[in-house]
Amino acid sequence: MSHLTVVDHPLVQHKLSLLRQQDTPTVQFRALVGEIGQLLTFEATRDMPVVKKPIETPIQLTEAPLLSGRKPALISILRAGNGMLDGFLSILPTARVGFVGLYRNEETLEPVEYYFKAPPNLGERTVFVVDPMLATGNSAVAAIDLLKREGAKDLKFICLLSAPEGVQRMASAHPDVPVITAAVDEMLNSNGYIVPGLGDAGDRIFGTR
């Protein structure tokens, strides 16, 4: 998988357009985030390892592919990343879940860590990191830094929306970590928000705008 994958499936793009609209209510916004998360999960898990094992169908014994290795880890960057958890877990319900708590200093736009909890044996798992927005890329890079220090090696970053600046920041800091996104928008504005974007994903998911 190349560093950047833009999932341009019509269903993904349609649902993303509904997310962007400022009059989309919280309940619908939250549902759409989960649905897009589900669709992005298919792309993110495309190269997960499988092994053929014997199974018995109603007709006969055969060999069929099943996922192999340790259960994957799903890491949410708080708080907005939690909006993507249910969609992802509906596809991979056995995934182990962890959290990275980061907030953005509105003056420096740099991330500040306040919480970290991850499953054990990260180095033996595929680790999916989720956050709806890849804007400056600072929070994503900080989260990946933490996870690598905990031993994670096979990482992927999944977001709904990204800015060119964030994509480039991730590529420079962690060229070994693929980014899976539904769209790359035009740019960041002076406040570090994606343009045209969809506003503050966390506020819109949790109704705190």
N, C-alpha and C. Protein backbone atom coordinates (compact mmCIF):
# COMPACT_ATOMS: atom_id res chain seq x y z
N MET A 1 0.85 -1.20 0.00
CA MET A 1 0.00 0.00 0.00
C MET A 1 0.88 1.25 0.00
N SER A 2 0.59 2.20 -0.89
CA SER A 2 1.35 3.45 -0.93
C SER A 2 1.06 4.26 0.32
N HIS A 3 1.81 5.33 0.51
CA HIS A 3 1.64 6.12 1.73
C HIS A 3 0.24 6.70 1.85
N LEU A 4 -0.34 7.15 0.73
CA LEU A 4 -1.65 7.78 0.76
C LEU A 4 -2.63 7.02 -0.12
N THR A 5 -3.78 6.66 0.44
CA THR A 5 -4.87 6.06 -0.31
C THR A 5 -6.12 6.89 -0.11
N VAL A 6 -6.66 7.43 -1.20
CA VAL A 6 -7.91 8.19 -1.15
C VAL A 6 -9.03 7.26 -1.64
N VAL A 7 -9.99 6.99 -0.76
CA VAL A 7 -11.08 6.08 -1.08
C VAL A 7 -12.18 6.89 -1.77
N ASP A 8 -12.22 6.81 -3.08
CA ASP A 8 -13.15 7.65 -3.86
C ASP A 8 -14.41 6.91 -4.27
N HIS A 9 -14.76 5.88 -3.53
CA HIS A 9 -15.99 5.13 -3.82
C HIS A 9 -17.19 6.08 -3.75
N PRO A 10 -18.16 5.96 -4.65
CA PRO A 10 -19.31 6.87 -4.65
C PRO A 10 -20.06 6.93 -3.33
N LEU A 11 -20.22 5.82 -2.64
CA LEU A 11 -20.92 5.85 -1.35
C LEU A 11 -20.15 6.65 -0.32
N VAL A 12 -18.83 6.49 -0.31
CA VAL A 12 -18.00 7.26 0.62
C VAL A 12 -18.12 8.74 0.32
N GLN A 13 -18.03 9.11 -0.95
CA GLN A 13 -18.08 10.52 -1.31
C GLN A 13 -19.45 11.13 -1.03
N HIS A 14 -20.51 10.39 -1.28
CA HIS A 14 -21.86 10.87 -0.98
C HIS A 14 -22.03 11.14 0.51
N LYS A 15 -21.61 10.19 1.32
CA LYS A 15 -21.77 10.35 2.77
C LYS A 15 -20.87 11.47 3.29
N LEU A 16 -19.70 11.62 2.71
CA LEU A 16 -18.82 12.72 3.11
C LEU A 16 -19.44 14.08 2.78
N SER A 17 -20.11 14.17 1.65
CA SER A 17 -20.78 15.43 1.28
C SER A 17 -21.87 15.77 2.28
N LEU A 18 -22.60 14.76 2.75
CA LEU A 18 -23.62 15.00 3.78
C LEU A 18 -22.97 15.48 5.07
N LEU A 19 -21.80 14.93 5.42
CA LEU A 19 -21.08 15.36 6.62
C LEU A 19 -20.69 16.83 6.52
N ARG A 20 -20.29 17.25 5.35
CA ARG A 20 -19.80 18.61 5.18
C ARG A 20 -20.88 19.67 5.42
N GLN A 21 -22.13 19.33 5.14
CA GLN A 21 -23.20 20.34 5.21
C GLN A 21 -23.39 20.83 6.64
N GLN A 22 -23.43 22.14 6.79
CA GLN A 22 -23.49 22.70 8.14
C GLN A 22 -24.81 22.45 8.85
N ASP A 23 -25.87 22.13 8.11
CA ASP A 23 -27.16 21.89 8.74
C ASP A 23 -27.43 20.41 9.01
N THR A 24 -26.43 19.54 8.79
CA THR A 24 -26.60 18.12 9.14
C THR A 24 -26.68 18.00 10.66
N PRO A 25 -27.77 17.45 11.20
CA PRO A 25 -27.92 17.39 12.66
C PRO A 25 -26.94 16.40 13.29
N THR A 26 -26.71 16.58 14.59
CA THR A 26 -25.74 15.77 15.31
C THR A 26 -26.00 14.28 15.16
N VAL A 27 -27.25 13.86 15.31
CA VAL A 27 -27.54 12.43 15.26
C VAL A 27 -27.19 11.84 13.90
N GLN A 28 -27.46 12.58 12.83
CA GLN A 28 -27.12 12.10 11.49
C GLN A 28 -25.62 12.17 11.26
N PHE A 29 -24.99 13.23 11.73
CA PHE A 29 -23.55 13.39 11.58
C PHE A 29 -22.82 12.21 12.23
N ARG A 30 -23.24 11.89 13.45
CA ARG A 30 -22.61 10.80 14.20
C ARG A 30 -22.76 9.47 13.46
N ALA A 31 -23.96 9.24 12.90
CA ALA A 31 -24.20 8.00 12.17
C ALA A 31 -23.35 7.94 10.91
N LEU A 32 -23.23 9.05 10.21
CA LEU A 32 -22.45 9.09 8.98
C LEU A 32 -20.97 8.84 9.24
N VAL A 33 -20.45 9.38 10.34
CA VAL A 33 -19.06 9.13 10.69
C VAL A 33 -18.81 7.64 10.86
N GLY A 34 -19.74 6.96 11.54
CA GLY A 34 -19.62 5.52 11.72
C GLY A 34 -19.70 4.77 10.41
N GLU A 35 -20.61 5.18 9.53
CA GLU A 35 -20.78 4.50 8.24
C GLU A 35 -19.56 4.67 7.35
N ILE A 36 -19.02 5.88 7.30
CA ILE A 36 -17.81 6.09 6.49
C ILE A 36 -16.65 5.32 7.10
N GLY A 37 -16.59 5.29 8.43
CA GLY A 37 -15.56 4.51 9.10
C GLY A 37 -15.61 3.04 8.69
N GLN A 38 -16.82 2.49 8.60
CA GLN A 38 -16.98 1.11 8.13
C GLN A 38 -16.39 0.93 6.74
N LEU A 39 -16.73 1.83 5.83
CA LEU A 39 -16.29 1.71 4.45
C LEU A 39 -14.77 1.86 4.33
N LEU A 40 -14.18 2.76 5.12
CA LEU A 40 -12.73 2.93 5.10
C LEU A 40 -12.02 1.72 5.68
N THR A 41 -12.70 1.04 6.61
CA THR A 41 -12.10 -0.16 7.22
C THR A 41 -11.82 -1.23 6.18
N PHE A 42 -12.70 -1.38 5.20
CA PHE A 42 -12.48 -2.37 4.16
C PHE A 42 -11.16 -2.11 3.43
N GLU A 43 -10.89 -0.85 3.12
CA GLU A 43 -9.64 -0.52 2.43
C GLU A 43 -8.44 -0.70 3.35
N ALA A 44 -8.58 -0.28 4.59
CA ALA A 44 -7.46 -0.33 5.54
C ALA A 44 -7.05 -1.76 5.85
N THR A 45 -7.99 -2.70 5.78
CA THR A 45 -7.70 -4.09 6.14
C THR A 45 -7.43 -4.97 4.92
N ARG A 46 -7.29 -4.36 3.78
CA ARG A 46 -7.16 -5.10 2.53
C ARG A 46 -6.00 -6.10 2.55
N ASP A 47 -4.90 -5.74 3.19
CA ASP A 47 -3.71 -6.60 3.14
C ASP A 47 -3.45 -7.32 4.47
N MET A 48 -4.49 -7.48 5.30
CA MET A 48 -4.30 -8.23 6.54
C MET A 48 -3.94 -9.68 6.21
N PRO A 49 -3.06 -10.28 6.99
CA PRO A 49 -2.61 -11.65 6.68
C PRO A 49 -3.69 -12.68 6.93
N VAL A 50 -3.73 -13.68 6.06
CA VAL A 50 -4.67 -14.79 6.21
C VAL A 50 -3.90 -16.10 6.06
N VAL A 51 -4.48 -17.15 6.58
CA VAL A 51 -3.92 -18.48 6.44
C VAL A 51 -5.06 -19.44 6.11
N LYS A 52 -4.78 -20.40 5.26
CA LYS A 52 -5.82 -21.36 4.91
C LYS A 52 -5.90 -22.47 5.96
N LYS A 53 -7.13 -22.72 6.40
CA LYS A 53 -7.36 -23.75 7.41
C LYS A 53 -8.52 -24.63 6.95
N PRO A 54 -8.53 -25.88 7.41
CA PRO A 54 -9.64 -26.76 7.03
C PRO A 54 -10.94 -26.35 7.72
N ILE A 55 -12.02 -26.31 6.96
CA ILE A 55 -13.35 -26.08 7.50
C ILE A 55 -14.30 -27.07 6.86
N GLU A 56 -15.45 -27.22 7.47
CA GLU A 56 -16.44 -28.14 6.91
C GLU A 56 -17.67 -27.36 6.50
N THR A 57 -17.95 -27.35 5.22
CA THR A 57 -19.18 -26.73 4.73
C THR A 57 -20.31 -27.77 4.81
N PRO A 58 -21.55 -27.38 4.53
CA PRO A 58 -22.62 -28.38 4.50
C PRO A 58 -22.41 -29.45 3.43
N ILE A 59 -21.46 -29.20 2.51
CA ILE A 59 -21.26 -30.12 1.40
C ILE A 59 -20.04 -31.03 1.63
N GLN A 60 -18.90 -30.40 2.06
CA GLN A 60 -17.68 -31.20 2.19
C GLN A 60 -16.63 -30.44 2.98
N LEU A 61 -15.53 -31.11 3.31
CA LEU A 61 -14.36 -30.47 3.89
C LEU A 61 -13.62 -29.69 2.81
N THR A 62 -13.07 -28.54 3.22
CA THR A 62 -12.30 -27.74 2.28
C THR A 62 -11.33 -26.87 3.07
N GLU A 63 -10.46 -26.20 2.36
CA GLU A 63 -9.56 -25.23 3.00
C GLU A 63 -10.04 -23.84 2.63
N ALA A 64 -10.07 -22.97 3.64
CA ALA A 64 -10.58 -21.61 3.41
C ALA A 64 -9.71 -20.61 4.17
N PRO A 65 -9.60 -19.37 3.65
CA PRO A 65 -8.75 -18.37 4.30
C PRO A 65 -9.41 -17.78 5.55
N LEU A 66 -8.64 -17.68 6.63
CA LEU A 66 -9.05 -17.03 7.87
C LEU A 66 -7.94 -16.08 8.32
N LEU A 67 -8.33 -15.01 9.00
CA LEU A 67 -7.33 -14.06 9.50
C LEU A 67 -6.33 -14.78 10.40
N SER A 68 -5.07 -14.38 10.30
CA SER A 68 -4.03 -15.01 11.09
C SER A 68 -3.33 -13.98 11.96
N GLY A 69 -2.56 -14.46 12.92
CA GLY A 69 -1.79 -13.58 13.78
C GLY A 69 -2.62 -13.04 14.94
N ARG A 70 -2.00 -12.17 15.73
CA ARG A 70 -2.68 -11.57 16.87
C ARG A 70 -3.83 -10.67 16.41
N LYS A 71 -4.79 -10.50 17.28
CA LYS A 71 -5.91 -9.62 16.97
C LYS A 71 -5.39 -8.20 16.79
N PRO A 72 -5.93 -7.46 15.81
CA PRO A 72 -5.45 -6.10 15.56
C PRO A 72 -5.78 -5.16 16.71
N ALA A 73 -5.09 -4.04 16.75
CA ALA A 73 -5.35 -3.00 17.75
C ALA A 73 -5.95 -1.79 17.05
N LEU A 74 -6.95 -1.23 17.66
CA LEU A 74 -7.61 -0.02 17.17
C LEU A 74 -7.35 1.09 18.17
N ILE A 75 -6.68 2.15 17.75
CA ILE A 75 -6.31 3.24 18.64
C ILE A 75 -7.07 4.50 18.23
N SER A 76 -7.86 5.02 19.16
CA SER A 76 -8.62 6.24 18.91
C SER A 76 -7.87 7.44 19.47
N ILE A 77 -7.72 8.48 18.64
CA ILE A 77 -7.18 9.74 19.13
C ILE A 77 -8.36 10.53 19.69
N LEU A 78 -8.35 10.71 21.01
CA LEU A 78 -9.47 11.36 21.68
C LEU A 78 -9.54 12.83 21.30
N ARG A 79 -10.77 13.39 21.27
CA ARG A 79 -11.98 12.64 21.53
C ARG A 79 -12.71 12.24 20.26
N ALA A 80 -12.39 12.95 19.17
CA ALA A 80 -13.14 12.76 17.93
C ALA A 80 -12.97 11.37 17.36
N GLY A 81 -11.82 10.72 17.60
CA GLY A 81 -11.60 9.39 17.08
C GLY A 81 -12.63 8.39 17.57
N ASN A 82 -13.21 8.65 18.74
CA ASN A 82 -14.22 7.73 19.27
C ASN A 82 -15.44 7.63 18.36
N GLY A 83 -15.68 8.66 17.57
CA GLY A 83 -16.81 8.61 16.65
C GLY A 83 -16.65 7.55 15.58
N MET A 84 -15.42 7.10 15.34
CA MET A 84 -15.15 6.10 14.31
C MET A 84 -15.06 4.69 14.87
N LEU A 85 -15.07 4.54 16.19
CA LEU A 85 -14.85 3.23 16.80
C LEU A 85 -15.92 2.22 16.43
N ASP A 86 -17.19 2.60 16.58
CA ASP A 86 -18.27 1.63 16.35
C ASP A 86 -18.27 1.10 14.92
N GLY A 87 -18.04 2.00 13.96
CA GLY A 87 -18.01 1.56 12.57
C GLY A 87 -16.90 0.56 12.33
N PHE A 88 -15.73 0.84 12.89
CA PHE A 88 -14.60 -0.06 12.71
C PHE A 88 -14.85 -1.39 13.41
N LEU A 89 -15.34 -1.34 14.65
CA LEU A 89 -15.54 -2.56 15.42
C LEU A 89 -16.68 -3.42 14.87
N SER A 90 -17.58 -2.82 14.11
CA SER A 90 -18.63 -3.63 13.48
C SER A 90 -18.06 -4.54 12.41
N ILE A 91 -16.89 -4.17 11.87
CA ILE A 91 -16.22 -4.98 10.86
C ILE A 91 -15.20 -5.92 11.52
N LEU A 92 -14.47 -5.40 12.51
CA LEU A 92 -13.46 -6.20 13.22
C LEU A 92 -13.78 -6.20 14.71
N PRO A 93 -14.80 -6.95 15.13
CA PRO A 93 -15.25 -6.88 16.52
C PRO A 93 -14.25 -7.42 17.53
N THR A 94 -13.26 -8.20 17.08
CA THR A 94 -12.29 -8.75 18.03
C THR A 94 -11.09 -7.83 18.25
N ALA A 95 -11.05 -6.68 17.58
CA ALA A 95 -9.92 -5.77 17.74
C ALA A 95 -9.79 -5.30 19.19
N ARG A 96 -8.57 -5.16 19.65
CA ARG A 96 -8.29 -4.58 20.96
C ARG A 96 -8.26 -3.06 20.81
N VAL A 97 -8.77 -2.35 21.79
CA VAL A 97 -8.96 -0.90 21.66
C VAL A 97 -8.08 -0.15 22.64
N GLY A 98 -7.46 0.92 22.15
CA GLY A 98 -6.67 1.80 22.99
C GLY A 98 -7.00 3.26 22.68
N PHE A 99 -6.43 4.15 23.49
CA PHE A 99 -6.76 5.57 23.37
C PHE A 99 -5.51 6.43 23.55
N VAL A 100 -5.41 7.46 22.72
CA VAL A 100 -4.40 8.50 22.88
C VAL A 100 -5.13 9.81 23.10
N GLY A 101 -4.93 10.41 24.26
CA GLY A 101 -5.58 11.68 24.56
C GLY A 101 -4.69 12.85 24.21
N LEU A 102 -5.09 13.62 23.22
CA LEU A 102 -4.35 14.80 22.77
C LEU A 102 -5.32 15.95 22.57
N TYR A 103 -4.93 17.14 22.95
CA TYR A 103 -5.71 18.31 22.56
C TYR A 103 -4.77 19.33 21.92
N ARG A 104 -5.35 20.18 21.09
CA ARG A 104 -4.55 21.13 20.34
C ARG A 104 -4.45 22.46 21.08
N ASN A 105 -3.22 22.89 21.32
CA ASN A 105 -2.99 24.23 21.84
C ASN A 105 -3.38 25.22 20.74
N GLU A 106 -4.43 26.00 21.01
CA GLU A 106 -4.97 26.86 19.95
C GLU A 106 -4.03 28.00 19.55
N GLU A 107 -3.01 28.26 20.35
CA GLU A 107 -2.04 29.30 19.99
C GLU A 107 -0.91 28.74 19.13
N THR A 108 -0.38 27.59 19.54
CA THR A 108 0.75 27.01 18.82
C THR A 108 0.33 25.96 17.80
N LEU A 109 -0.92 25.47 17.91
CA LEU A 109 -1.45 24.38 17.09
C LEU A 109 -0.73 23.06 17.34
N GLU A 110 0.08 22.99 18.41
CA GLU A 110 0.80 21.78 18.74
C GLU A 110 -0.04 20.90 19.68
N PRO A 111 0.12 19.57 19.59
CA PRO A 111 -0.66 18.67 20.45
C PRO A 111 -0.10 18.61 21.87
N VAL A 112 -1.00 18.47 22.82
CA VAL A 112 -0.63 18.30 24.22
C VAL A 112 -1.21 16.97 24.69
N GLU A 113 -0.36 16.07 25.18
CA GLU A 113 -0.81 14.74 25.61
C GLU A 113 -1.39 14.81 27.02
N TYR A 114 -2.54 14.15 27.22
CA TYR A 114 -3.12 14.06 28.56
C TYR A 114 -3.54 12.65 28.94
N TYR A 115 -3.51 11.69 27.98
CA TYR A 115 -3.90 10.31 28.31
C TYR A 115 -3.34 9.36 27.28
N PHE A 116 -2.91 8.18 27.75
CA PHE A 116 -2.43 7.15 26.83
C PHE A 116 -2.68 5.78 27.44
N LYS A 117 -3.38 4.93 26.72
CA LYS A 117 -3.65 3.56 27.15
C LYS A 117 -3.76 2.70 25.90
N ALA A 118 -2.89 1.69 25.81
CA ALA A 118 -2.87 0.86 24.60
C ALA A 118 -2.86 -0.62 24.97
N PRO A 119 -3.34 -1.49 24.08
CA PRO A 119 -3.27 -2.93 24.32
C PRO A 119 -1.82 -3.40 24.40
N PRO A 120 -1.58 -4.54 25.03
CA PRO A 120 -0.21 -5.07 25.10
C PRO A 120 0.23 -5.65 23.76
N ASN A 121 1.53 -5.91 23.65
CA ASN A 121 2.10 -6.58 22.48
C ASN A 121 1.80 -5.87 21.17
N LEU A 122 1.93 -4.54 21.17
CA LEU A 122 1.64 -3.79 19.95
C LEU A 122 2.54 -4.20 18.79
N GLY A 123 3.75 -4.61 19.10
CA GLY A 123 4.68 -4.99 18.05
C GLY A 123 4.27 -6.24 17.29
N GLU A 124 3.31 -6.98 17.83
CA GLU A 124 2.85 -8.21 17.18
C GLU A 124 1.47 -8.03 16.55
N ARG A 125 0.98 -6.81 16.52
CA ARG A 125 -0.37 -6.55 16.00
C ARG A 125 -0.31 -5.55 14.85
N THR A 126 -1.30 -5.62 13.98
CA THR A 126 -1.57 -4.50 13.07
C THR A 126 -2.31 -3.44 13.88
N VAL A 127 -1.82 -2.22 13.83
CA VAL A 127 -2.36 -1.13 14.65
C VAL A 127 -3.01 -0.09 13.75
N PHE A 128 -4.31 0.08 13.91
CA PHE A 128 -5.07 1.06 13.14
C PHE A 128 -5.33 2.27 14.04
N VAL A 129 -4.89 3.44 13.61
CA VAL A 129 -5.07 4.67 14.38
C VAL A 129 -6.16 5.49 13.68
N VAL A 130 -7.19 5.89 14.42
CA VAL A 130 -8.31 6.59 13.81
C VAL A 130 -8.51 7.98 14.41
N ASP A 131 -8.77 8.93 13.53
CA ASP A 131 -9.10 10.31 13.89
C ASP A 131 -9.81 10.89 12.67
N PRO A 132 -10.96 11.51 12.84
CA PRO A 132 -11.69 11.98 11.66
C PRO A 132 -10.91 12.95 10.77
N MET A 133 -10.05 13.77 11.37
CA MET A 133 -9.40 14.83 10.61
C MET A 133 -7.87 14.71 10.66
N LEU A 134 -7.23 14.87 9.51
CA LEU A 134 -5.77 15.02 9.44
C LEU A 134 -5.53 16.43 8.93
N ALA A 135 -5.40 17.36 9.86
CA ALA A 135 -5.29 18.78 9.50
C ALA A 135 -3.81 19.20 9.45
N THR A 136 -3.27 19.71 10.55
CA THR A 136 -1.83 20.02 10.57
C THR A 136 -0.99 18.75 10.55
N GLY A 137 -1.57 17.66 11.04
CA GLY A 137 -0.83 16.41 11.17
C GLY A 137 -0.09 16.28 12.48
N ASN A 138 -0.11 17.33 13.31
CA ASN A 138 0.66 17.30 14.55
C ASN A 138 0.16 16.23 15.51
N SER A 139 -1.15 16.14 15.68
CA SER A 139 -1.70 15.14 16.61
C SER A 139 -1.45 13.73 16.10
N ALA A 140 -1.64 13.51 14.80
CA ALA A 140 -1.40 12.19 14.23
C ALA A 140 0.05 11.76 14.42
N VAL A 141 0.97 12.67 14.15
CA VAL A 141 2.39 12.36 14.30
C VAL A 141 2.72 12.07 15.77
N ALA A 142 2.17 12.87 16.67
CA ALA A 142 2.42 12.66 18.10
C ALA A 142 1.89 11.30 18.55
N ALA A 143 0.69 10.93 18.07
CA ALA A 143 0.12 9.63 18.43
C ALA A 143 0.97 8.48 17.89
N ILE A 144 1.41 8.59 16.66
CA ILE A 144 2.26 7.55 16.07
C ILE A 144 3.58 7.46 16.82
N ASP A 145 4.14 8.60 17.20
CA ASP A 145 5.37 8.61 18.00
C ASP A 145 5.20 7.78 19.27
N LEU A 146 4.10 8.03 20.00
CA LEU A 146 3.83 7.31 21.23
C LEU A 146 3.70 5.81 20.99
N LEU A 147 2.96 5.44 19.95
CA LEU A 147 2.72 4.03 19.68
C LEU A 147 4.00 3.31 19.26
N LYS A 148 4.83 3.98 18.50
CA LYS A 148 6.11 3.37 18.12
C LYS A 148 7.00 3.18 19.34
N ARG A 149 6.97 4.13 20.26
CA ARG A 149 7.75 3.97 21.49
C ARG A 149 7.26 2.79 22.31
N GLU A 150 5.99 2.43 22.15
CA GLU A 150 5.43 1.27 22.84
C GLU A 150 5.65 -0.03 22.05
N GLY A 151 6.36 0.07 20.92
CA GLY A 151 6.73 -1.13 20.18
C GLY A 151 5.96 -1.37 18.90
N ALA A 152 4.96 -0.54 18.58
CA ALA A 152 4.17 -0.75 17.36
C ALA A 152 5.06 -0.61 16.12
N LYS A 153 4.86 -1.50 15.17
CA LYS A 153 5.64 -1.49 13.94
C LYS A 153 4.76 -1.41 12.70
N ASP A 154 3.65 -2.13 12.73
CA ASP A 154 2.74 -2.20 11.58
C ASP A 154 1.55 -1.28 11.86
N LEU A 155 1.65 -0.03 11.42
CA LEU A 155 0.64 0.97 11.73
C LEU A 155 -0.02 1.51 10.47
N LYS A 156 -1.29 1.90 10.61
CA LYS A 156 -2.02 2.59 9.55
C LYS A 156 -2.86 3.69 10.19
N PHE A 157 -2.96 4.81 9.49
CA PHE A 157 -3.74 5.95 9.98
C PHE A 157 -4.96 6.12 9.09
N ILE A 158 -6.15 6.17 9.72
CA ILE A 158 -7.40 6.24 8.97
C ILE A 158 -8.14 7.51 9.38
N CYS A 159 -8.52 8.32 8.40
CA CYS A 159 -9.25 9.56 8.70
C CYS A 159 -10.31 9.79 7.63
N LEU A 160 -11.31 10.59 7.99
CA LEU A 160 -12.37 10.93 7.04
C LEU A 160 -11.90 11.97 6.04
N LEU A 161 -11.12 12.92 6.53
CA LEU A 161 -10.79 14.11 5.74
C LEU A 161 -9.37 14.54 6.07
N SER A 162 -8.65 15.02 5.06
CA SER A 162 -7.27 15.43 5.28
C SER A 162 -6.95 16.69 4.50
N ALA A 163 -5.90 17.36 4.95
CA ALA A 163 -5.38 18.54 4.26
C ALA A 163 -4.01 18.19 3.68
N PRO A 164 -3.61 18.83 2.58
CA PRO A 164 -2.29 18.53 2.02
C PRO A 164 -1.17 18.70 3.03
N GLU A 165 -1.30 19.71 3.90
CA GLU A 165 -0.26 19.96 4.91
C GLU A 165 -0.13 18.78 5.87
N GLY A 166 -1.26 18.20 6.27
CA GLY A 166 -1.23 17.07 7.18
C GLY A 166 -0.68 15.82 6.52
N VAL A 167 -1.07 15.60 5.27
CA VAL A 167 -0.56 14.45 4.52
C VAL A 167 0.96 14.54 4.40
N GLN A 168 1.46 15.74 4.08
CA GLN A 168 2.90 15.92 3.93
C GLN A 168 3.63 15.76 5.26
N ARG A 169 3.03 16.28 6.33
CA ARG A 169 3.64 16.14 7.67
C ARG A 169 3.77 14.67 8.04
N MET A 170 2.73 13.88 7.80
CA MET A 170 2.78 12.46 8.11
C MET A 170 3.81 11.75 7.23
N ALA A 171 3.85 12.09 5.96
CA ALA A 171 4.79 11.45 5.05
C ALA A 171 6.23 11.74 5.45
N SER A 172 6.48 12.94 5.96
CA SER A 172 7.84 13.31 6.37
C SER A 172 8.23 12.64 7.68
N ALA A 173 7.29 12.63 8.64
CA ALA A 173 7.61 12.11 9.97
C ALA A 173 7.55 10.60 10.03
N HIS A 174 6.57 10.00 9.32
CA HIS A 174 6.37 8.56 9.38
C HIS A 174 6.07 8.01 7.99
N PRO A 175 7.08 7.96 7.12
CA PRO A 175 6.84 7.50 5.75
C PRO A 175 6.43 6.03 5.67
N ASP A 176 6.61 5.29 6.76
CA ASP A 176 6.25 3.87 6.78
C ASP A 176 4.80 3.63 7.19
N VAL A 177 4.06 4.70 7.51
CA VAL A 177 2.68 4.57 7.99
C VAL A 177 1.72 5.01 6.89
N PRO A 178 0.98 4.08 6.28
CA PRO A 178 0.01 4.46 5.26
C PRO A 178 -1.12 5.30 5.84
N VAL A 179 -1.62 6.24 5.04
CA VAL A 179 -2.77 7.07 5.40
C VAL A 179 -3.92 6.69 4.47
N ILE A 180 -5.05 6.35 5.08
CA ILE A 180 -6.27 6.03 4.32
C ILE A 180 -7.30 7.11 4.63
N THR A 181 -7.78 7.80 3.61
CA THR A 181 -8.68 8.92 3.81
C THR A 181 -9.76 8.94 2.74
N ALA A 182 -10.86 9.64 3.03
CA ALA A 182 -11.93 9.77 2.04
C ALA A 182 -11.69 10.93 1.09
N ALA A 183 -10.88 11.91 1.49
CA ALA A 183 -10.65 13.08 0.62
C ALA A 183 -9.45 13.87 1.13
N VAL A 184 -8.76 14.51 0.18
CA VAL A 184 -7.73 15.50 0.50
C VAL A 184 -8.26 16.85 0.04
N ASP A 185 -8.51 17.75 0.99
CA ASP A 185 -9.10 19.05 0.66
C ASP A 185 -8.04 20.04 0.20
N GLU A 186 -8.44 21.31 0.07
CA GLU A 186 -7.59 22.31 -0.56
C GLU A 186 -6.40 22.74 0.30
N MET A 187 -6.66 23.06 1.58
CA MET A 187 -5.61 23.67 2.39
C MET A 187 -6.11 23.82 3.83
N LEU A 188 -5.23 24.36 4.68
CA LEU A 188 -5.61 24.78 6.03
C LEU A 188 -5.76 26.30 6.04
N ASN A 189 -6.72 26.78 6.86
CA ASN A 189 -6.81 28.23 7.04
C ASN A 189 -5.89 28.68 8.16
N SER A 190 -5.94 29.96 8.49
CA SER A 190 -5.00 30.51 9.49
C SER A 190 -5.24 29.95 10.89
N ASN A 191 -6.41 29.35 11.12
CA ASN A 191 -6.71 28.74 12.41
C ASN A 191 -6.42 27.25 12.44
N GLY A 192 -5.86 26.73 11.36
CA GLY A 192 -5.53 25.32 11.32
C GLY A 192 -6.69 24.41 10.99
N TYR A 193 -7.78 24.97 10.43
CA TYR A 193 -8.93 24.15 10.04
C TYR A 193 -8.85 23.83 8.56
N ILE A 194 -9.33 22.63 8.20
CA ILE A 194 -9.32 22.19 6.81
C ILE A 194 -10.36 22.98 6.02
N VAL A 195 -9.98 23.40 4.79
CA VAL A 195 -10.84 24.16 3.89
C VAL A 195 -11.05 23.34 2.61
N PRO A 196 -12.30 23.11 2.14
CA PRO A 196 -13.56 23.58 2.73
C PRO A 196 -13.97 22.82 3.99
N GLY A 197 -13.48 21.60 4.16
CA GLY A 197 -13.65 20.89 5.42
C GLY A 197 -15.08 20.59 5.81
N LEU A 198 -15.25 20.39 7.13
CA LEU A 198 -16.59 20.15 7.67
C LEU A 198 -16.75 20.72 9.08
N GLY A 199 -15.83 21.61 9.44
CA GLY A 199 -15.88 22.20 10.77
C GLY A 199 -15.11 21.36 11.77
N ASP A 200 -15.45 21.49 13.04
CA ASP A 200 -14.80 20.74 14.11
C ASP A 200 -15.51 19.40 14.26
N ALA A 201 -14.83 18.31 13.87
CA ALA A 201 -15.48 17.00 13.87
C ALA A 201 -15.92 16.59 15.27
N GLY A 202 -15.09 16.83 16.28
CA GLY A 202 -15.45 16.46 17.64
C GLY A 202 -16.69 17.16 18.13
N ASP A 203 -16.77 18.46 17.90
CA ASP A 203 -17.95 19.22 18.31
C ASP A 203 -19.20 18.72 17.61
N ARG A 204 -19.06 18.39 16.33
CA ARG A 204 -20.24 17.97 15.56
C ARG A 204 -20.66 16.54 15.92
N ILE A 205 -19.71 15.68 16.26
CA ILE A 205 -20.04 14.31 16.66
C ILE A 205 -20.76 14.31 18.01
N PHE A 206 -20.28 15.13 18.94
CA PHE A 206 -20.79 15.07 20.32
C PHE A 206 -21.77 16.20 20.65
N GLY A 207 -22.07 17.03 19.67
CA GLY A 207 -23.08 18.07 19.87
C GLY A 207 -22.64 19.18 20.78
N THR A 208 -21.34 19.50 20.76
CA THR A 208 -20.81 20.55 21.65
C THR A 208 -20.44 21.81 20.91
N ARG A 209 -20.84 21.89 19.65
CA ARG A 209 -20.52 23.09 18.88
C ARG A 209 -21.39 24.26 19.32
